[in-house]
Structures are given as structure tokens and as C-alpha cells.
Amino acid sequence: MSINVTWDNDNRTAIRLDFNGQWNWEEYDDAIDSAYFMIAEVGHKVDIITNLSGDAILPGDESLRHFQRALRQIPSNVGLTVTSGGNSFSRKVFSSFQRTLLAGSLGEARAILANRPQLYPDTYLAAS
């Protein structure tokens, strides 16, 4: 699969979707479903990192339908979404259809999320 879903840290406060090479919308939907299932299993806010590698190729048509599906099903405990890497076109597409910030690299995405409670206090709720 060209989209890998994994926890980005041991605390399970961020999940990462790594997009590599050619992928299709079915793989995207499956990755979103997996990520949302994992996020729903924890009782605290979880941020999402959409990590687009340099060779990630955005499939043609139908992006709107799949991004809308992802937004309709988003768990209530999702915090921020940060898109890192990728080419300027794919970053613009992802940022247009998701509540997302842009980062130049995975390291920058992690730095944004590390500062999330100070930068975006409305999105941060401590676990009950």
C-alpha cells in the first residue's frame, strides 16, 4: 500500500499518514478509515500529520468527493492536521479540503504540533 498509517509518537497524540509514490482513492479511503479507527480508540485529542513524500502522486479527479467523505467522518477528538512535504500542487489540494496547516517537512510538522497548546489553545483539551 502506498499510504502507511501509524502513530507518530508513543503517547498516541499524533497519527501519521505517509503517502509514497502512486496511490489511489480507494487506498486513501482505507487509510482514512484506519486512522479514524485508531483515533477513536483513545480518549484524548489526536493530531494528524499528512506526510507527502517527494514522490507522492496525487491521483486525478474525484479528490473533492473523497476529502468531503473524510471530513464528514472525522472523529470528534481530532485536533490539528498538518500537511508536510510534497510538491506545491499536492500541498495546496490537501490544505484546500482539510482543516490543515502546511509544513515544509515532517520535522517542522512535529514542531508545530509540539507547540499546539500554546498556538492553538481552542484545539487542545487535556484528557479527562
C-alpha atoms as a PDB file:
ATOM      1  CA  MET A   1       0.000   0.000   0.000  1.00  0.00           C
ATOM      2  CA  SER A   2       1.294   3.450  -0.856  1.00  0.00           C
ATOM      3  CA  ILE A   3      -0.266   5.049   2.227  1.00  0.00           C
ATOM      4  CA  ASN A   4       1.012   3.892   5.605  1.00  0.00           C
ATOM      5  CA  VAL A   5      -0.890   4.789   8.798  1.00  0.00           C
ATOM      6  CA  THR A   6       0.992   4.777  12.101  1.00  0.00           C
ATOM      7  CA  TRP A   7       1.149   6.525  15.449  1.00  0.00           C
ATOM      8  CA  ASP A   8       3.745   9.287  15.266  1.00  0.00           C
ATOM      9  CA  ASN A   9       4.615   9.048  18.958  1.00  0.00           C
ATOM     10  CA  ASP A  10       4.329   6.674  21.901  1.00  0.00           C
ATOM     11  CA  ASN A  11       1.738   8.888  23.641  1.00  0.00           C
ATOM     12  CA  ARG A  12      -0.658   8.428  20.719  1.00  0.00           C
ATOM     13  CA  THR A  13      -1.278  12.162  20.447  1.00  0.00           C
ATOM     14  CA  ALA A  14      -0.439  12.272  16.733  1.00  0.00           C
ATOM     15  CA  ILE A  15      -1.118   9.879  13.907  1.00  0.00           C
ATOM     16  CA  ARG A  16       0.813   9.987  10.655  1.00  0.00           C
ATOM     17  CA  LEU A  17      -0.312   9.109   7.151  1.00  0.00           C
ATOM     18  CA  ASP A  18       2.751   8.588   4.940  1.00  0.00           C
ATOM     19  CA  PHE A  19       1.935   8.953   1.228  1.00  0.00           C
ATOM     20  CA  ASN A  20       4.534   7.415  -1.088  1.00  0.00           C
ATOM     21  CA  GLY A  21       4.601   7.079  -4.868  1.00  0.00           C
ATOM     22  CA  GLN A  22       1.421   6.344  -6.760  1.00  0.00           C
ATOM     23  CA  TRP A  23      -1.703   5.810  -4.658  1.00  0.00           C
ATOM     24  CA  ASN A  24      -5.394   5.742  -5.481  1.00  0.00           C
ATOM     25  CA  TRP A  25      -8.585   6.968  -3.856  1.00  0.00           C
ATOM     26  CA  GLU A  26      -9.530   3.509  -2.575  1.00  0.00           C
ATOM     27  CA  GLU A  27      -6.217   3.385  -0.704  1.00  0.00           C
ATOM     28  CA  TYR A  28      -6.897   6.894   0.609  1.00  0.00           C
ATOM     29  CA  ASP A  29     -10.342   5.911   1.916  1.00  0.00           C
ATOM     30  CA  ASP A  30      -8.874   2.778   3.545  1.00  0.00           C
ATOM     31  CA  ALA A  31      -6.096   4.826   5.169  1.00  0.00           C
ATOM     32  CA  ILE A  32      -8.573   7.395   6.483  1.00  0.00           C
ATOM     33  CA  ASP A  33     -10.790   4.618   7.873  1.00  0.00           C
ATOM     34  CA  SER A  34      -7.783   3.030   9.615  1.00  0.00           C
ATOM     35  CA  ALA A  35      -6.613   6.344  11.037  1.00  0.00           C
ATOM     36  CA  TYR A  36     -10.072   7.246  12.306  1.00  0.00           C
ATOM     37  CA  PHE A  37     -10.489   3.828  13.912  1.00  0.00           C
ATOM     38  CA  MET A  38      -7.168   4.248  15.732  1.00  0.00           C
ATOM     39  CA  ILE A  39      -8.051   7.794  16.811  1.00  0.00           C
ATOM     40  CA  ALA A  40     -11.467   6.717  18.112  1.00  0.00           C
ATOM     41  CA  GLU A  41      -9.783   4.159  20.394  1.00  0.00           C
ATOM     42  CA  VAL A  42      -8.129   6.852  22.546  1.00  0.00           C
ATOM     43  CA  GLY A  43      -9.873   9.320  24.841  1.00  0.00           C
ATOM     44  CA  HIS A  44      -7.818  12.416  24.100  1.00  0.00           C
ATOM     45  CA  LYS A  45      -7.171  14.818  21.224  1.00  0.00           C
ATOM     46  CA  VAL A  46      -5.147  13.374  18.373  1.00  0.00           C
ATOM     47  CA  ASP A  47      -3.460  15.482  15.709  1.00  0.00           C
ATOM     48  CA  ILE A  48      -2.955  14.227  12.168  1.00  0.00           C
ATOM     49  CA  ILE A  49       0.197  14.547  10.087  1.00  0.00           C
ATOM     50  CA  THR A  50      -0.325  14.056   6.365  1.00  0.00           C
ATOM     51  CA  ASN A  51       3.225  13.314   5.235  1.00  0.00           C
ATOM     52  CA  LEU A  52       3.596  13.644   1.469  1.00  0.00           C
ATOM     53  CA  SER A  53       6.914  12.304   0.229  1.00  0.00           C
ATOM     54  CA  GLY A  54       8.591  13.941  -2.722  1.00  0.00           C
ATOM     55  CA  ASP A  55       7.413  11.142  -4.993  1.00  0.00           C
ATOM     56  CA  ALA A  56       3.771  11.046  -3.801  1.00  0.00           C
ATOM     57  CA  ILE A  57       1.495  11.434  -6.827  1.00  0.00           C
ATOM     58  CA  LEU A  58      -1.985  12.825  -6.312  1.00  0.00           C
ATOM     59  CA  PRO A  59      -4.497  10.785  -8.344  1.00  0.00           C
ATOM     60  CA  GLY A  60      -6.640  12.589 -10.899  1.00  0.00           C
ATOM     61  CA  ASP A  61     -10.295  13.560 -10.466  1.00  0.00           C
ATOM     62  CA  GLU A  62     -12.572  12.782  -7.539  1.00  0.00           C
ATOM     63  CA  SER A  63     -10.488  14.452  -4.825  1.00  0.00           C
ATOM     64  CA  LEU A  64     -13.424  16.567  -3.665  1.00  0.00           C
ATOM     65  CA  ARG A  65     -15.657  13.549  -3.052  1.00  0.00           C
ATOM     66  CA  HIS A  66     -13.013  11.687  -1.032  1.00  0.00           C
ATOM     67  CA  PHE A  67     -11.930  14.699   1.012  1.00  0.00           C
ATOM     68  CA  GLN A  68     -15.577  15.503   1.792  1.00  0.00           C
ATOM     69  CA  ARG A  69     -16.087  11.898   2.927  1.00  0.00           C
ATOM     70  CA  ALA A  70     -13.071  12.203   5.220  1.00  0.00           C
ATOM     71  CA  LEU A  71     -14.369  15.457   6.702  1.00  0.00           C
ATOM     72  CA  ARG A  72     -17.882  14.066   7.269  1.00  0.00           C
ATOM     73  CA  GLN A  73     -16.487  11.102   9.220  1.00  0.00           C
ATOM     74  CA  ILE A  74     -13.794  12.872  11.238  1.00  0.00           C
ATOM     75  CA  PRO A  75     -13.801  11.809  14.897  1.00  0.00           C
ATOM     76  CA  SER A  76     -14.649  14.496  17.442  1.00  0.00           C
ATOM     77  CA  ASN A  77     -11.271  14.102  19.162  1.00  0.00           C
ATOM     78  CA  VAL A  78      -9.192  15.154  16.149  1.00  0.00           C
ATOM     79  CA  GLY A  79      -7.133  18.264  16.829  1.00  0.00           C
ATOM     80  CA  LEU A  80      -4.986  19.865  14.153  1.00  0.00           C
ATOM     81  CA  THR A  81      -3.991  18.468  10.791  1.00  0.00           C
ATOM     82  CA  VAL A  82      -0.581  19.376   9.399  1.00  0.00           C
ATOM     83  CA  THR A  83       0.460  18.511   5.849  1.00  0.00           C
ATOM     84  CA  SER A  84       4.195  18.168   5.356  1.00  0.00           C
ATOM     85  CA  GLY A  85       6.375  17.696   2.298  1.00  0.00           C
ATOM     86  CA  GLY A  86       5.064  17.026  -1.176  1.00  0.00           C
ATOM     87  CA  ASN A  87       5.007  19.305  -4.164  1.00  0.00           C
ATOM     88  CA  SER A  88       3.210  22.638  -4.143  1.00  0.00           C
ATOM     89  CA  PHE A  89       0.193  21.287  -6.055  1.00  0.00           C
ATOM     90  CA  SER A  90      -0.485  18.336  -3.736  1.00  0.00           C
ATOM     91  CA  ARG A  91       0.020  20.537  -0.653  1.00  0.00           C
ATOM     92  CA  LYS A  92      -2.486  23.064  -1.978  1.00  0.00           C
ATOM     93  CA  VAL A  93      -5.024  20.331  -2.709  1.00  0.00           C
ATOM     94  CA  PHE A  94      -4.707  18.799   0.758  1.00  0.00           C
ATOM     95  CA  SER A  95      -4.841  22.167   2.502  1.00  0.00           C
ATOM     96  CA  SER A  96      -7.913  23.211   0.492  1.00  0.00           C
ATOM     97  CA  PHE A  97     -10.082  20.289   1.557  1.00  0.00           C
ATOM     98  CA  GLN A  98      -8.887  19.569   5.070  1.00  0.00           C
ATOM     99  CA  ARG A  99      -8.622  21.746   8.148  1.00  0.00           C
ATOM    100  CA  THR A 100      -4.884  21.852   7.843  1.00  0.00           C
ATOM    101  CA  LEU A 101      -1.681  23.784   8.323  1.00  0.00           C
ATOM    102  CA  LEU A 102       1.287  23.446   5.998  1.00  0.00           C
ATOM    103  CA  ALA A 103       4.813  22.443   6.979  1.00  0.00           C
ATOM    104  CA  GLY A 104       7.892  22.112   4.827  1.00  0.00           C
ATOM    105  CA  SER A 105       8.998  18.867   6.433  1.00  0.00           C
ATOM    106  CA  LEU A 106       7.997  16.164   8.876  1.00  0.00           C
ATOM    107  CA  GLY A 107      10.245  17.791  11.491  1.00  0.00           C
ATOM    108  CA  GLU A 108       8.501  21.121  11.030  1.00  0.00           C
ATOM    109  CA  ALA A 109       5.095  19.412  11.311  1.00  0.00           C
ATOM    110  CA  ARG A 110       6.165  17.852  14.609  1.00  0.00           C
ATOM    111  CA  ALA A 111       7.387  21.235  15.866  1.00  0.00           C
ATOM    112  CA  ILE A 112       4.016  22.827  15.038  1.00  0.00           C
ATOM    113  CA  LEU A 113       2.221  20.083  16.942  1.00  0.00           C
ATOM    114  CA  ALA A 114       4.626  20.320  19.893  1.00  0.00           C
ATOM    115  CA  ASN A 115       3.633  23.985  20.227  1.00  0.00           C
ATOM    116  CA  ARG A 116      -0.063  23.350  19.569  1.00  0.00           C
ATOM    117  CA  PRO A 117      -1.309  24.029  23.134  1.00  0.00           C
ATOM    118  CA  GLN A 118       0.281  27.485  23.081  1.00  0.00           C
ATOM    119  CA  LEU A 119      -0.516  28.364  19.458  1.00  0.00           C
ATOM    120  CA  TYR A 120      -3.993  26.880  19.202  1.00  0.00           C
ATOM    121  CA  PRO A 121      -5.445  26.590  22.716  1.00  0.00           C
ATOM    122  CA  ASP A 122      -9.002  26.049  21.458  1.00  0.00           C
ATOM    123  CA  THR A 123      -7.977  22.769  19.816  1.00  0.00           C
ATOM    124  CA  TYR A 124      -6.268  21.396  22.889  1.00  0.00           C
ATOM    125  CA  LEU A 125      -8.200  19.633  25.598  1.00  0.00           C
ATOM    126  CA  ALA A 126      -6.375  17.560  28.180  1.00  0.00           C
ATOM    127  CA  ALA A 127      -7.524  14.001  28.551  1.00  0.00           C
ATOM    128  CA  SER A 128     -10.237  13.617  31.138  1.00  0.00           C
END
